[in-house]
Protein backbone atom coordinates (compact mmCIF):
# COMPACT_ATOMS: atom_id res chain seq x y z
CA UNK A 1 29.70 -7.06 62.33
CA UNK A 2 32.71 -4.46 62.92
CA UNK A 3 34.97 -6.66 61.13
CA UNK A 4 32.76 -6.73 58.17
CA UNK A 5 32.58 -2.97 58.12
CA UNK A 6 36.36 -2.65 58.21
CA UNK A 7 36.53 -5.18 55.51
CA UNK A 8 34.34 -3.19 53.34
CA UNK A 9 36.46 0.05 53.97
CA UNK A 10 39.44 -1.99 52.71
CA UNK A 11 37.68 -3.04 49.51
CA UNK A 12 36.33 0.41 48.91
CA UNK A 13 40.05 1.97 49.57
CA UNK A 14 41.43 -0.49 47.26
CA UNK A 15 39.09 0.13 44.20
CA UNK A 16 40.79 1.57 41.27
CA UNK A 17 40.23 4.83 39.38
CA UNK A 18 40.00 5.61 35.69
CA UNK A 19 40.77 8.31 33.49
CA UNK A 20 37.77 10.49 32.63
CA UNK A 21 36.95 11.32 28.85
CA UNK A 22 35.93 14.97 28.43
CA UNK A 23 33.39 16.07 25.96
CA UNK A 24 33.70 19.47 24.31
CA UNK A 25 30.72 21.64 24.51
CA UNK A 26 28.21 21.59 21.78
CA UNK A 27 27.70 24.74 20.04
CA UNK A 28 24.12 25.92 19.41
CA UNK A 29 22.78 26.07 15.78
CA UNK A 30 21.66 29.36 14.72
CA UNK A 31 21.86 30.16 11.12
CA UNK A 32 19.28 28.80 8.78
CA UNK A 33 20.34 25.62 7.11
CA UNK A 34 19.13 24.11 3.87
CA UNK A 35 19.47 20.43 2.95
CA UNK A 36 18.78 19.86 -0.87
CA UNK A 37 18.97 17.16 -3.20
CA UNK A 38 18.39 14.37 -0.71
CA UNK A 39 16.41 11.16 -0.13
CA UNK A 40 14.58 12.38 3.18
CA UNK A 41 12.71 9.91 4.78
CA UNK A 42 10.64 11.61 7.37
CA UNK A 43 8.50 8.93 9.08
CA UNK A 44 5.81 11.27 8.91
CA UNK A 45 2.76 9.42 7.34
CA UNK A 46 1.43 12.67 5.98
CA UNK A 47 4.70 13.46 4.03
CA UNK A 48 6.83 10.46 4.15
CA UNK A 49 9.40 11.48 1.69
CA UNK A 50 11.01 14.83 0.82
CA UNK A 51 14.15 16.15 -0.91
CA UNK A 52 14.62 19.51 0.94
CA UNK A 53 14.60 20.23 4.80
CA UNK A 54 15.03 23.77 6.29
CA UNK A 55 16.03 24.08 9.87
CA UNK A 56 17.19 26.97 12.19
CA UNK A 57 18.01 27.48 15.80
CA UNK A 58 17.58 23.56 15.97
CA UNK A 59 14.03 23.53 14.71
CA UNK A 60 12.67 22.39 11.66
CA UNK A 61 11.06 25.03 9.54
CA UNK A 62 10.24 23.22 6.13
CA UNK A 63 10.17 19.55 4.87
CA UNK A 64 9.21 19.12 1.26
CA UNK A 65 9.91 19.72 -2.29
CA UNK A 66 12.86 22.17 -3.56
CA UNK A 67 10.61 24.29 -5.71
CA UNK A 68 8.50 24.94 -2.53
CA UNK A 69 11.52 26.08 -0.44
CA UNK A 70 12.49 29.02 -2.36
CA UNK A 71 11.03 31.52 0.16
CA UNK A 72 13.22 30.05 2.89
CA UNK A 73 16.51 31.06 1.28
CA UNK A 74 18.30 34.29 2.49
CA UNK A 75 21.44 35.96 2.03
CA UNK A 76 22.70 34.47 5.37
CA UNK A 77 21.35 30.93 5.07
CA UNK A 78 23.66 28.01 4.47
CA UNK A 79 22.81 25.30 1.65
CA UNK A 80 24.15 21.62 1.78
CA UNK A 81 23.83 19.62 -1.45
CA UNK A 82 23.11 16.11 -0.17
CA UNK A 83 23.92 14.62 -3.49
CA UNK A 84 21.31 12.00 -3.11
CA UNK A 85 22.31 11.10 0.39
CA UNK A 86 19.59 9.34 2.59
CA UNK A 87 18.32 11.17 5.73
CA UNK A 88 16.07 9.93 8.46
CA UNK A 89 15.28 11.02 12.08
CA UNK A 90 17.45 10.47 14.90
CA UNK A 91 16.81 7.11 16.76
CA UNK A 92 15.19 6.43 19.98
CA UNK A 93 16.25 3.67 22.28
CA UNK A 94 13.27 3.48 24.58
CA UNK A 95 14.61 1.04 27.12
CA UNK A 96 18.21 0.78 27.93
CA UNK A 97 20.59 1.07 31.08
CA UNK A 98 23.66 3.39 30.57
CA UNK A 99 24.16 3.58 34.34
CA UNK A 100 24.32 -0.29 34.89
CA UNK A 101 26.65 -0.56 31.75
CA UNK A 102 28.88 2.06 33.50
CA UNK A 103 28.67 0.39 36.90
CA UNK A 104 28.29 -3.52 36.38
CA UNK A 105 31.66 -4.45 34.94
CA UNK A 106 35.11 -5.74 35.69
CA UNK A 107 37.85 -4.64 33.63
CA UNK A 108 41.01 -6.54 32.44
CA UNK A 109 44.39 -5.19 32.83
CA UNK A 110 44.19 -3.61 29.36
CA UNK A 111 40.96 -1.83 30.28
CA UNK A 112 38.44 -4.31 28.32
CA UNK A 113 35.56 -5.99 29.97
CA UNK A 114 36.23 -9.55 31.24
CA UNK A 115 33.84 -11.98 29.73
CA UNK A 116 33.46 -15.48 31.24
CA UNK A 117 33.12 -18.50 29.10
CA UNK A 118 29.64 -19.67 28.66
CA UNK A 119 30.01 -23.03 26.54
CA UNK A 120 29.99 -25.29 29.54
CA UNK A 121 29.96 -25.40 33.38
CA UNK A 122 33.42 -27.35 33.44
CA UNK A 123 35.03 -24.58 31.04
CA UNK A 124 33.62 -21.90 33.49
CA UNK A 125 34.99 -23.38 36.60
CA UNK A 126 38.47 -24.13 34.97
CA UNK A 127 38.39 -20.33 33.93
CA UNK A 128 37.70 -19.15 37.34
CA UNK A 129 40.43 -21.48 38.82
CA UNK A 130 42.87 -19.71 36.43
CA UNK A 131 41.57 -16.20 37.24
CA UNK A 132 41.85 -16.91 40.96
CA UNK A 133 45.61 -17.76 40.63
CA UNK A 134 46.28 -14.94 38.32
CA UNK A 135 44.68 -12.55 40.45
CA UNK A 136 45.66 -13.65 43.83
CA UNK A 137 46.15 -9.98 45.15
CA UNK A 138 42.47 -8.92 44.09
CA UNK A 139 40.56 -8.78 47.58
CA UNK A 140 37.08 -8.67 46.00
CA UNK A 141 35.77 -10.35 42.90
CA UNK A 142 32.79 -9.04 40.86
CA UNK A 143 32.55 -10.90 37.37
CA UNK A 144 29.93 -11.55 34.76
CA UNK A 145 28.49 -13.30 33.00
CA UNK A 146 27.94 -17.04 33.78
CA UNK A 147 25.55 -19.02 31.71
CA UNK A 148 22.24 -19.90 33.52
CA UNK A 149 21.56 -22.81 31.18
CA UNK A 150 24.84 -24.66 32.14
CA UNK A 151 23.49 -24.87 35.65
CA UNK A 152 19.69 -25.69 35.51
CA UNK A 153 17.53 -27.11 36.71
CA UNK A 154 19.22 -26.89 40.32
CA UNK A 155 21.32 -23.70 39.72
CA UNK A 156 24.83 -22.79 41.10
CA UNK A 157 25.90 -23.42 44.65
CA UNK A 158 28.28 -21.53 47.08
CA UNK A 159 30.64 -24.71 47.49
CA UNK A 160 31.59 -24.89 43.89
CA UNK A 161 32.98 -21.13 44.37
CA UNK A 162 34.33 -21.89 47.91
CA UNK A 163 36.61 -24.53 46.46
CA UNK A 164 38.09 -21.89 44.23
CA UNK A 165 37.94 -18.98 46.25
CA UNK A 166 37.90 -20.10 49.97
CA UNK A 167 38.68 -16.71 51.70
CA UNK A 168 37.92 -14.03 49.20
CA UNK A 169 34.23 -12.77 48.65
CA UNK A 170 33.05 -13.56 45.02
CA UNK A 171 29.83 -12.32 43.40
CA UNK A 172 29.14 -13.43 39.73
CA UNK A 173 26.43 -12.03 37.64
CA UNK A 174 24.37 -14.25 35.43
CA UNK A 175 23.88 -13.76 31.55
CA UNK A 176 20.31 -13.00 32.06
CA UNK A 177 21.20 -9.98 34.21
CA UNK A 178 18.77 -11.18 36.93
CA UNK A 179 20.63 -13.46 39.50
CA UNK A 180 23.83 -13.80 41.35
CA UNK A 181 26.15 -16.51 42.22
CA UNK A 182 27.92 -15.71 45.62
CA UNK A 183 30.50 -17.82 47.67
CA UNK A 184 30.28 -18.21 51.56
CA UNK A 185 32.91 -15.35 51.96
CA UNK A 186 30.64 -12.94 50.16
CA UNK A 187 27.42 -13.99 52.13
CA UNK A 188 29.39 -13.65 55.29
CA UNK A 189 30.69 -10.17 54.43
CA UNK A 190 27.22 -9.04 53.52
CA UNK A 191 25.56 -10.61 56.60
CA UNK A 192 23.30 -12.97 54.61
CA UNK A 193 22.32 -16.10 56.39
CA UNK A 194 19.31 -18.37 57.31
CA UNK A 195 17.68 -15.57 59.12
CA UNK A 196 17.82 -13.14 56.19
CA UNK A 197 14.41 -12.17 54.77
CA UNK A 198 13.45 -12.40 51.13
CA UNK A 199 12.60 -9.09 49.30
CA UNK A 200 9.50 -10.27 47.36
CA UNK A 201 8.11 -13.12 45.40
CA UNK A 202 10.51 -12.60 42.58
CA UNK A 203 13.49 -11.45 44.63
CA UNK A 204 14.71 -14.00 47.02
CA UNK A 205 17.70 -16.39 48.16
CA UNK A 206 17.42 -19.88 46.99
CA UNK A 207 17.87 -22.04 50.21
CA UNK A 208 18.41 -25.76 51.10
CA UNK A 209 16.36 -27.81 53.10
CA UNK A 210 17.74 -26.24 56.31
CA UNK A 211 16.80 -22.96 54.96
CA UNK A 212 20.41 -21.83 54.51
CA UNK A 213 21.29 -19.84 51.52
CA UNK A 214 22.75 -21.90 48.61
CA UNK A 215 24.54 -19.01 47.03
CA UNK A 216 22.14 -18.45 44.09
CA UNK A 217 20.30 -15.12 44.75
CA UNK A 218 17.60 -14.37 42.31
CA UNK A 219 16.63 -10.89 41.04
CA UNK A 220 17.29 -8.12 43.47
CA UNK A 221 17.20 -9.71 47.03
CA UNK A 222 21.02 -9.10 47.57
CA UNK A 223 20.71 -5.31 46.73
CA UNK A 224 19.66 -4.09 50.26
CA UNK A 225 23.05 -5.46 51.42
CA UNK A 226 25.31 -4.35 48.77
CA UNK A 227 25.33 -0.63 49.34
CA UNK A 228 28.00 0.73 46.97
CA UNK A 229 30.34 -2.20 47.46
CA UNK A 230 30.25 -3.50 43.63
CA UNK A 231 30.42 0.09 42.36
CA UNK A 232 33.66 1.36 40.88
CA UNK A 233 34.83 4.97 41.43
CA UNK A 234 33.16 7.92 40.42
CA UNK A 235 35.70 8.70 37.69
CA UNK A 236 35.36 5.16 36.07
CA UNK A 237 31.37 5.51 36.30
CA UNK A 238 31.86 8.84 34.55
CA UNK A 239 34.41 7.57 31.93
CA UNK A 240 32.08 4.64 31.07
CA UNK A 241 29.02 6.65 30.85
CA UNK A 242 30.60 9.20 28.65
CA UNK A 243 32.18 6.39 26.33
CA UNK A 244 28.83 4.57 26.12
CA UNK A 245 26.85 7.69 25.25
CA UNK A 246 29.19 8.65 22.80
CA UNK A 247 29.04 5.33 20.96
CA UNK A 248 25.17 5.38 20.96
CA UNK A 249 25.30 8.91 19.51
CA UNK A 250 27.76 8.30 16.81
CA UNK A 251 25.25 5.43 15.83
CA UNK A 252 22.39 7.85 15.43
CA UNK A 253 20.69 7.43 18.86
CA UNK A 254 19.72 11.12 19.61
CA UNK A 255 17.16 10.09 22.49
CA UNK A 256 17.22 7.44 24.98
CA UNK A 257 15.16 6.28 28.06
CA UNK A 258 17.19 5.00 31.26
CA UNK A 259 15.13 2.08 32.43
CA UNK A 260 16.56 2.10 35.87
CA UNK A 261 19.56 2.13 38.16
CA UNK A 262 18.02 0.45 41.20
CA UNK A 263 19.57 2.02 44.34
CA UNK A 264 22.28 4.02 42.44
CA UNK A 265 20.13 6.86 40.84
CA UNK A 266 22.20 9.57 42.57
CA UNK A 267 25.68 7.85 41.56
CA UNK A 268 24.34 8.22 37.94
CA UNK A 269 22.18 11.22 37.44
CA UNK A 270 24.52 13.52 39.42
CA UNK A 271 27.28 12.80 36.74
CA UNK A 272 24.66 13.19 33.98
CA UNK A 273 23.36 16.41 35.38
CA UNK A 274 27.14 17.90 35.55
CA UNK A 275 27.38 16.94 31.84
CA UNK A 276 24.16 18.47 31.16
CA UNK A 277 24.76 21.70 32.92
CA UNK A 278 28.07 21.89 31.11
CA UNK A 279 26.51 21.54 27.77
CA UNK A 280 28.22 18.21 27.19
CA UNK A 281 25.44 15.66 27.20
CA UNK A 282 25.40 14.56 23.67
CA UNK A 283 21.85 13.34 23.55
CA UNK A 284 18.27 13.79 24.92
CA UNK A 285 18.32 11.59 28.09
CA UNK A 286 15.03 10.54 29.68
CA UNK A 287 15.70 9.41 33.19
CA UNK A 288 13.39 7.45 35.39
CA UNK A 289 12.66 6.50 39.07
CA UNK A 290 12.80 2.54 39.33
CA UNK A 291 10.58 0.38 41.59
CA UNK A 292 11.90 -2.95 42.12
CA UNK A 293 10.97 -3.51 45.94
CA UNK A 294 7.42 -3.62 46.82
CA UNK A 295 8.17 -1.23 49.81
CA UNK A 296 8.94 1.53 47.46
CA UNK A 297 5.54 1.94 46.25
CA UNK A 298 3.93 4.39 48.58
CA UNK A 299 6.87 6.84 48.38
CA UNK A 300 7.54 6.39 44.65
CA UNK A 301 5.84 9.56 43.35
CA UNK A 302 7.74 11.61 45.98
CA UNK A 303 10.96 9.87 45.07
CA UNK A 304 10.35 10.49 41.35
CA UNK A 305 9.63 14.36 42.06
CA UNK A 306 12.78 14.58 44.23
CA UNK A 307 15.09 13.14 41.26
CA UNK A 308 13.15 15.51 38.85
CA UNK A 309 13.64 18.59 40.87
CA UNK A 310 17.21 17.79 41.55
CA UNK A 311 18.51 16.85 38.39
CA UNK A 312 16.38 18.08 35.47
CA UNK A 313 18.12 20.24 32.83
CA UNK A 314 18.34 21.13 29.24
CA UNK A 315 18.72 17.59 27.86
CA UNK A 316 18.03 15.41 31.04
CA UNK A 317 14.46 14.96 31.85
CA UNK A 318 12.22 12.87 34.07
CA UNK A 319 8.72 11.87 33.01
CA UNK A 320 8.52 8.03 33.68
CA UNK A 321 8.47 5.59 36.50
CA UNK A 322 9.43 2.01 35.84
CA UNK A 323 8.29 -1.08 37.77
CA UNK A 324 9.86 -4.33 37.59
CA UNK A 325 6.63 -6.05 37.67
CA UNK A 326 7.90 -9.65 37.19
CA UNK A 327 11.26 -11.59 36.78
CA UNK A 328 12.55 -13.50 33.96
CA UNK A 329 12.02 -17.18 32.48
CA UNK A 330 15.63 -18.04 32.75
CA UNK A 331 15.47 -18.20 36.55
CA UNK A 332 11.80 -19.11 36.89
CA UNK A 333 10.67 -15.59 38.34
CA UNK A 334 8.62 -14.40 35.34
CA UNK A 335 5.02 -14.53 36.13
CA UNK A 336 3.26 -17.42 33.98
CA UNK A 337 -0.04 -18.61 33.43
CA UNK A 338 0.99 -22.18 33.61
CA UNK A 339 3.76 -23.42 35.87
CA UNK A 340 7.35 -23.63 34.56
CA UNK A 341 8.55 -27.06 33.26
CA UNK A 342 9.53 -29.54 35.95
CA UNK A 343 7.64 -27.77 38.54
CA UNK A 344 4.15 -28.21 39.97
CA UNK A 345 2.98 -25.06 41.19
CA UNK A 346 5.77 -22.59 40.39
CA UNK A 347 4.22 -19.85 38.10
CA UNK A 348 6.83 -16.91 39.05
CA UNK A 349 5.57 -13.84 40.75
CA UNK A 350 4.47 -10.32 40.52
CA UNK A 351 5.28 -7.09 42.54
CA UNK A 352 1.84 -5.93 43.17
CA UNK A 353 -1.80 -6.98 42.77
CA UNK A 354 -3.86 -5.78 39.91
CA UNK A 355 -5.76 -3.53 42.40
CA UNK A 356 -2.63 -2.16 43.83
CA UNK A 357 -1.18 -1.53 40.44
CA UNK A 358 -4.62 -0.01 39.09
CA UNK A 359 -4.64 2.59 42.03
CA UNK A 360 -1.02 3.52 41.36
CA UNK A 361 -1.80 4.04 37.57
CA UNK A 362 -4.58 6.52 38.72
CA UNK A 363 -2.13 8.44 41.00
CA UNK A 364 0.31 8.76 38.28
CA UNK A 365 -2.49 9.92 36.00
CA UNK A 366 -3.17 12.91 38.36
CA UNK A 367 0.33 13.82 38.64
CA UNK A 368 0.86 13.31 34.56
CA UNK A 369 3.76 10.63 35.22
CA UNK A 370 4.18 7.98 32.55
CA UNK A 371 4.52 4.28 33.46
CA UNK A 372 6.83 1.63 31.96
CA UNK A 373 6.57 -2.01 33.17
CA UNK A 374 8.83 -4.90 33.02
CA UNK A 375 6.52 -7.84 31.70
CA UNK A 376 8.16 -11.09 30.83
CA UNK A 377 5.68 -13.69 31.56
CA UNK A 378 2.05 -14.05 29.95
CA UNK A 379 0.38 -13.61 33.56
CA UNK A 380 2.27 -10.40 34.15
CA UNK A 381 1.25 -8.93 31.01
CA UNK A 382 -2.32 -10.05 31.61
CA UNK A 383 -2.47 -8.54 34.97
CA UNK A 384 -0.86 -5.26 33.89
CA UNK A 385 -3.61 -4.88 31.08
CA UNK A 386 -6.16 -5.76 33.66
CA UNK A 387 -4.84 -2.87 35.61
CA UNK A 388 -5.08 -0.56 32.89
CA UNK A 389 -8.74 -1.58 32.21
CA UNK A 390 -9.60 -1.38 35.76
CA UNK A 391 -8.09 2.14 36.11
CA UNK A 392 -10.10 3.32 33.03
CA UNK A 393 -13.26 2.02 34.44
CA UNK A 394 -12.55 3.94 37.89
CA UNK A 395 -12.06 7.27 36.20
CA UNK A 396 -14.70 6.50 33.54
CA UNK A 397 -12.55 7.49 30.74
CA UNK A 398 -8.84 6.47 29.41
CA UNK A 399 -5.66 7.17 31.19
CA UNK A 400 -3.99 10.12 29.81
CA UNK A 401 -0.51 8.88 30.56
CA UNK A 402 1.69 6.65 28.43
CA UNK A 403 1.64 3.02 29.60
CA UNK A 404 4.41 0.80 28.16
CA UNK A 405 4.83 -2.91 28.86
CA UNK A 406 8.18 -4.26 27.89
CA UNK A 407 9.90 -7.52 26.82
CA UNK A 408 6.64 -9.27 26.31
CA UNK A 409 8.55 -12.64 25.82
CA UNK A 410 5.37 -14.72 26.36
CA UNK A 411 1.81 -13.23 25.82
CA UNK A 412 -1.55 -14.97 25.64
CA UNK A 413 -3.00 -14.65 22.15
CA UNK A 414 -6.29 -12.88 23.61
CA UNK A 415 -4.11 -10.30 25.16
CA UNK A 416 -2.26 -9.08 22.13
CA UNK A 417 -5.23 -7.27 20.59
CA UNK A 418 -5.75 -5.46 23.91
CA UNK A 419 -2.68 -3.38 23.46
CA UNK A 420 -4.25 -1.38 20.76
CA UNK A 421 -7.72 -1.30 22.50
CA UNK A 422 -6.15 0.28 25.44
CA UNK A 423 -3.49 2.28 23.86
CA UNK A 424 -0.65 0.65 25.70
CA UNK A 425 2.72 0.68 24.15
CA UNK A 426 4.57 -2.74 23.26
CA UNK A 427 8.24 -2.49 23.89
CA UNK A 428 10.40 -5.14 22.55
CA UNK A 429 14.21 -5.86 22.72
CA UNK A 430 15.00 -7.28 19.25
CA UNK A 431 18.55 -8.28 19.78
CA UNK A 432 17.00 -11.20 21.70
CA UNK A 433 14.99 -12.38 18.89
CA UNK A 434 17.61 -14.87 17.41
CA UNK A 435 17.91 -17.06 20.23
CA UNK A 436 21.79 -17.81 19.58
CA UNK A 437 22.82 -15.21 22.20
CA UNK A 438 19.71 -15.11 24.60
CA UNK A 439 16.70 -17.21 25.40
CA UNK A 440 18.04 -20.80 25.79
CA UNK A 441 17.71 -20.88 29.45
CA UNK A 442 14.12 -19.34 29.27
CA UNK A 443 13.31 -22.01 26.57
CA UNK A 444 14.43 -24.69 28.90
CA UNK A 445 12.11 -23.46 31.56
CA UNK A 446 9.00 -22.85 29.74
CA UNK A 447 9.19 -25.80 27.22
CA UNK A 448 9.01 -25.84 23.36
CA UNK A 449 5.43 -24.83 23.01
CA UNK A 450 5.73 -21.65 24.78
CA UNK A 451 9.14 -20.99 23.49
CA UNK A 452 8.05 -21.18 19.95
CA UNK A 453 5.56 -18.29 20.61
CA UNK A 454 8.36 -16.11 22.06
CA UNK A 455 8.13 -12.22 21.38
CA UNK A 456 5.63 -12.47 18.43
CA UNK A 457 6.07 -8.76 17.31
CA UNK A 458 4.38 -9.51 13.98
CA UNK A 459 1.18 -10.26 15.79
CA UNK A 460 1.18 -6.89 17.73
CA UNK A 461 1.78 -5.30 14.40
CA UNK A 462 -1.16 -7.15 12.80
CA UNK A 463 -3.30 -5.83 15.49
CA UNK A 464 -2.11 -2.19 15.06
CA UNK A 465 -0.09 -2.17 18.60
CA UNK A 466 2.26 0.72 18.97
CA UNK A 467 5.45 -1.07 18.74
CA UNK A 468 8.70 0.27 20.27
CA UNK A 469 12.05 -1.08 19.80
CA UNK A 470 15.16 -0.75 22.25
CA UNK A 471 18.36 -2.36 23.23
CA UNK A 472 18.02 -3.01 27.08
CA UNK A 473 21.75 -3.57 27.76
CA UNK A 474 22.89 -4.00 31.26
CA UNK A 475 26.56 -4.33 31.18
CA UNK A 476 29.70 -3.46 29.27
CA UNK A 477 30.24 -6.73 27.88
CA UNK A 478 27.13 -6.57 25.87
CA UNK A 479 27.06 -2.87 25.25
CA UNK A 480 27.91 -3.66 21.65
CA UNK A 481 24.46 -4.93 21.30
CA UNK A 482 22.95 -1.45 21.90
CA UNK A 483 23.73 -0.83 18.26
CA UNK A 484 20.37 0.14 16.84
CA UNK A 485 21.12 -1.25 13.45
CA UNK A 486 21.51 -4.62 15.10
CA UNK A 487 18.22 -4.25 16.58
CA UNK A 488 16.59 -3.20 13.18
CA UNK A 489 18.14 -5.95 11.37
CA UNK A 490 17.02 -8.73 13.98
CA UNK A 491 13.46 -7.16 14.24
CA UNK A 492 13.05 -8.00 10.69
CA UNK A 493 14.99 -11.39 10.29
CA UNK A 494 14.63 -12.75 13.76
CA UNK A 495 17.95 -14.29 13.23
CA UNK A 496 21.34 -13.50 15.11
CA UNK A 497 22.85 -10.57 13.18
CA UNK A 498 26.34 -12.23 12.54
CA UNK A 499 25.55 -15.84 12.24
CA UNK A 500 23.41 -18.29 10.33
CA UNK A 501 20.84 -18.39 13.00
CA UNK A 502 21.41 -22.16 13.68
CA UNK A 503 19.16 -21.87 16.80
CA UNK A 504 16.08 -19.94 16.31
CA UNK A 505 13.77 -19.64 19.35
CA UNK A 506 11.02 -18.75 17.41
CA UNK A 507 11.09 -18.78 13.61
CA UNK A 508 8.39 -16.64 13.03
CA UNK A 509 7.66 -13.35 11.11
CA UNK A 510 9.59 -10.22 12.07
CA UNK A 511 8.59 -6.59 11.23
CA UNK A 512 9.02 -4.77 7.82
CA UNK A 513 11.77 -2.15 7.68
CA UNK A 514 9.22 0.83 7.57
CA UNK A 515 7.62 -0.65 10.81
CA UNK A 516 10.90 -1.13 12.51
CA UNK A 517 12.16 2.27 11.68
CA UNK A 518 8.92 3.74 12.98
CA UNK A 519 9.24 1.75 16.25
CA UNK A 520 12.82 3.29 16.68
CA UNK A 521 11.75 6.80 16.01
CA UNK A 522 8.25 8.30 15.99
CA UNK A 523 6.69 5.44 18.31
CA UNK A 524 9.64 5.76 20.61
CA UNK A 525 9.15 9.45 20.99
CA UNK A 526 5.17 8.94 21.59
CA UNK A 527 5.92 6.15 24.31
CA UNK A 528 8.38 8.87 26.07
CA UNK A 529 5.43 11.56 25.71
CA UNK A 530 7.63 13.78 23.43
CA UNK A 531 6.08 12.82 20.03
CA UNK A 532 5.29 16.52 19.39
CA UNK A 533 9.18 17.42 19.70
CA UNK A 534 11.12 14.58 18.13
CA UNK A 535 10.70 11.40 16.23
CA UNK A 536 9.88 12.42 12.75
CA UNK A 537 10.97 15.17 10.48
CA UNK A 538 8.23 17.58 10.69
CA UNK A 539 7.95 21.14 10.83
CA UNK A 540 8.11 22.43 14.41
CA UNK A 541 10.05 19.41 15.60
CA UNK A 542 13.78 19.47 16.69
CA UNK A 543 16.28 18.96 13.92
CA UNK A 544 17.47 15.49 15.15
CA UNK A 545 18.47 13.48 12.11
CA UNK A 546 21.00 11.12 10.59
CA UNK A 547 22.78 11.15 7.31
CA UNK A 548 23.63 8.15 5.43
CA UNK A 549 25.84 7.80 2.24
CA UNK A 550 23.45 5.14 0.77
CA UNK A 551 19.78 4.63 1.02
CA UNK A 552 18.95 2.49 4.09
CA UNK A 553 15.73 1.33 2.35
CA UNK A 554 17.41 -0.46 -0.36
CA UNK A 555 20.32 -2.08 1.47
CA UNK A 556 20.31 -5.95 1.99
CA UNK A 557 18.68 -6.63 5.26
CA UNK A 558 21.22 -9.05 6.38
CA UNK A 559 23.91 -6.22 6.27
CA UNK A 560 21.93 -3.41 8.19
CA UNK A 561 24.16 -4.39 11.19
CA UNK A 562 27.18 -2.94 9.39
CA UNK A 563 25.63 0.45 8.94
CA UNK A 564 27.31 3.59 10.06
CA UNK A 565 25.82 7.09 9.73
CA UNK A 566 27.95 9.60 7.83
CA UNK A 567 26.70 12.43 10.27
CA UNK A 568 24.40 12.81 13.13
CA UNK A 569 22.78 16.06 14.02
CA UNK A 570 21.37 16.86 17.33
CA UNK A 571 19.21 20.12 17.44
CA UNK A 572 20.80 21.07 14.27
CA UNK A 573 24.25 20.67 15.15
CA UNK A 574 26.59 17.91 13.72
CA UNK A 575 27.94 15.54 16.34
CA UNK A 576 31.75 15.91 16.44
CA UNK A 577 32.58 13.04 18.62
CA UNK A 578 33.98 13.09 22.38
C-alpha cells in the first residue's frame, strides 16, 4: 500500500496549475432608474406585459404603463429609453453542475477540453493509441467521454485499455456521466480488487465470473477510493468556475442551482464563498448537499447545516438537499418498472425504500429544507411520489417544503397527473430532447416502446404540473450546452438545435414558448423556494432582467439558440463581464 501512496503524491505533485481569471467587484445600484418605451414581458400572469419599469437599490418599484409612472420620476432619477427593445426576467438554471464542469476535464496543450471520438469503438481505441504515444510523459490519464452505446451490451473491459496503457493508470468517464472505464494499473493504484465491496444497488463494479472487476465501474462506486486524485489544482478549479459562471451570466442566467459535487463540496464552495465575500460572484448561486451513498442519509441534515453555516453569504445560499435516487438507462442503473431489454430481472435500483425516503422528507419538512431527487426511471418516479403521499398522510396535511423530481425520462402515464396533485415540481433537461446527442444508449437498453415515451414534457403541461427547465451539464466538453437558449429551443422543437434532427428519440409535442419561458424563470424560482424574490418582473422583486434587441416572442423558434442578450442586469446593475 505504501507504494500506492507514494505514487499518489507523485501524481499530485506533477499536476499543472492554471491562471485565475479575476472578476471585478460589482457596484451596488442606488439611483432610481426608469426603463421606458420597452416591450417588457414580465412572466407575471396578473400583469404579463408593460412598457415601463422602475427600480431602485436593486428592487423593482413599478411595472406598468408609462402614464402611470409619472410619480416615480424625480430630479435625480435616471431614464433609459429602450426604443422598443424586449425585456424579460433573468433566467434560472434550476439543475446544473458548475463544480463538476470545473473539476472533471482534461485540457489539451492549447487549453481546450479534449474530446474523445464517439463514432465507433474502433475509432476510440485508435485515438487512445495515438494519445498514449503523444503523451508518453503523462503519469496519470483522465479523459472523457467515451460512447456507452459503442460498448453495449457487455460494456468495456480493462484488458482493452491495458493493451494501450500497460503501466500508466487510466480512468475514462463515459458520455452519460455515470460510469468509468479503468485499466488494471488504475484499479491497482486505487486498491480495488475482488474483495472491494460495492457501494449500493446502483453504484457497483461490474465483475467477471470469478468476481474480479472488469474495469467498468457504474455510477459512484469508485468515488470512495479516488480522494482528490482526479481533481486539478485549486487555481484551475477557480479559473474554470469563474469562466463557466461568466458564460452563463452573459447568456442571461442570473440564478442557478448546483445539483451536487459528490465528495468535493469544500473544494467548490470555498472558492464560491471567497468570490461572494469579495463581491465577485456574478449571479445568485443556490448550493446543495448531495446524497449519493446510502450511508450519508443519517448525517445528511447535519452535513447540510454545516455547509450552510460555513459558506452562506450575500449571493451564495443553501436551501436544498439533493438525492441521487436512481441511476441512468444508459448503463442499466435507472429504476424501471419492467426489466431492461436483454435481461430477465434487471430493473435497476433505488437508493432508499419508500418508507426511508418518506421519513427523511418529514425530517426535512421540520427543518424547512427543500428536496430534489434524480429520478430517471419510471419506478424511481413512482416510488418518490409514493413517498410524498406517505409523508403527507403521516403529517395529516401537505409538506411545506419544495419537492422536485428531475430528468423524468420514463414516467408511467398514471403518475404524470400526480405531480400537480402532490405539488411536486417536474424538472427536465431539454437539451436531451433531440436524441442526436444524448439518449441513444438509453433507448437501446429500454427498447423502442419505452424510448418513444421519453421525457413527455407536454403531458406534464397538460396536467398542470409545475415544470422547470435546466441544463445539467457535468463536464467542460459539454458546457456549451448550458446555453439556456438551446434549452428553450429544444424544449419546443424536441430536435437537436443545430441539426435536422435525423434521430429523434421521442417525436412528440414540446412546450410553447411562453410555457418554456415560465419554466426557465418563475417556476425555477418557485422550485428553489425564492419565487417571492425573483423569477418575474413584479413590484418588490429583485431587478434581475435581460434586454434583447428584438422581441424574443417573434423570432423563428429554430433560431432561438443563436440568441444573445444585449444586456444583463443583476440586482439593478448591468453585468459588465469578467
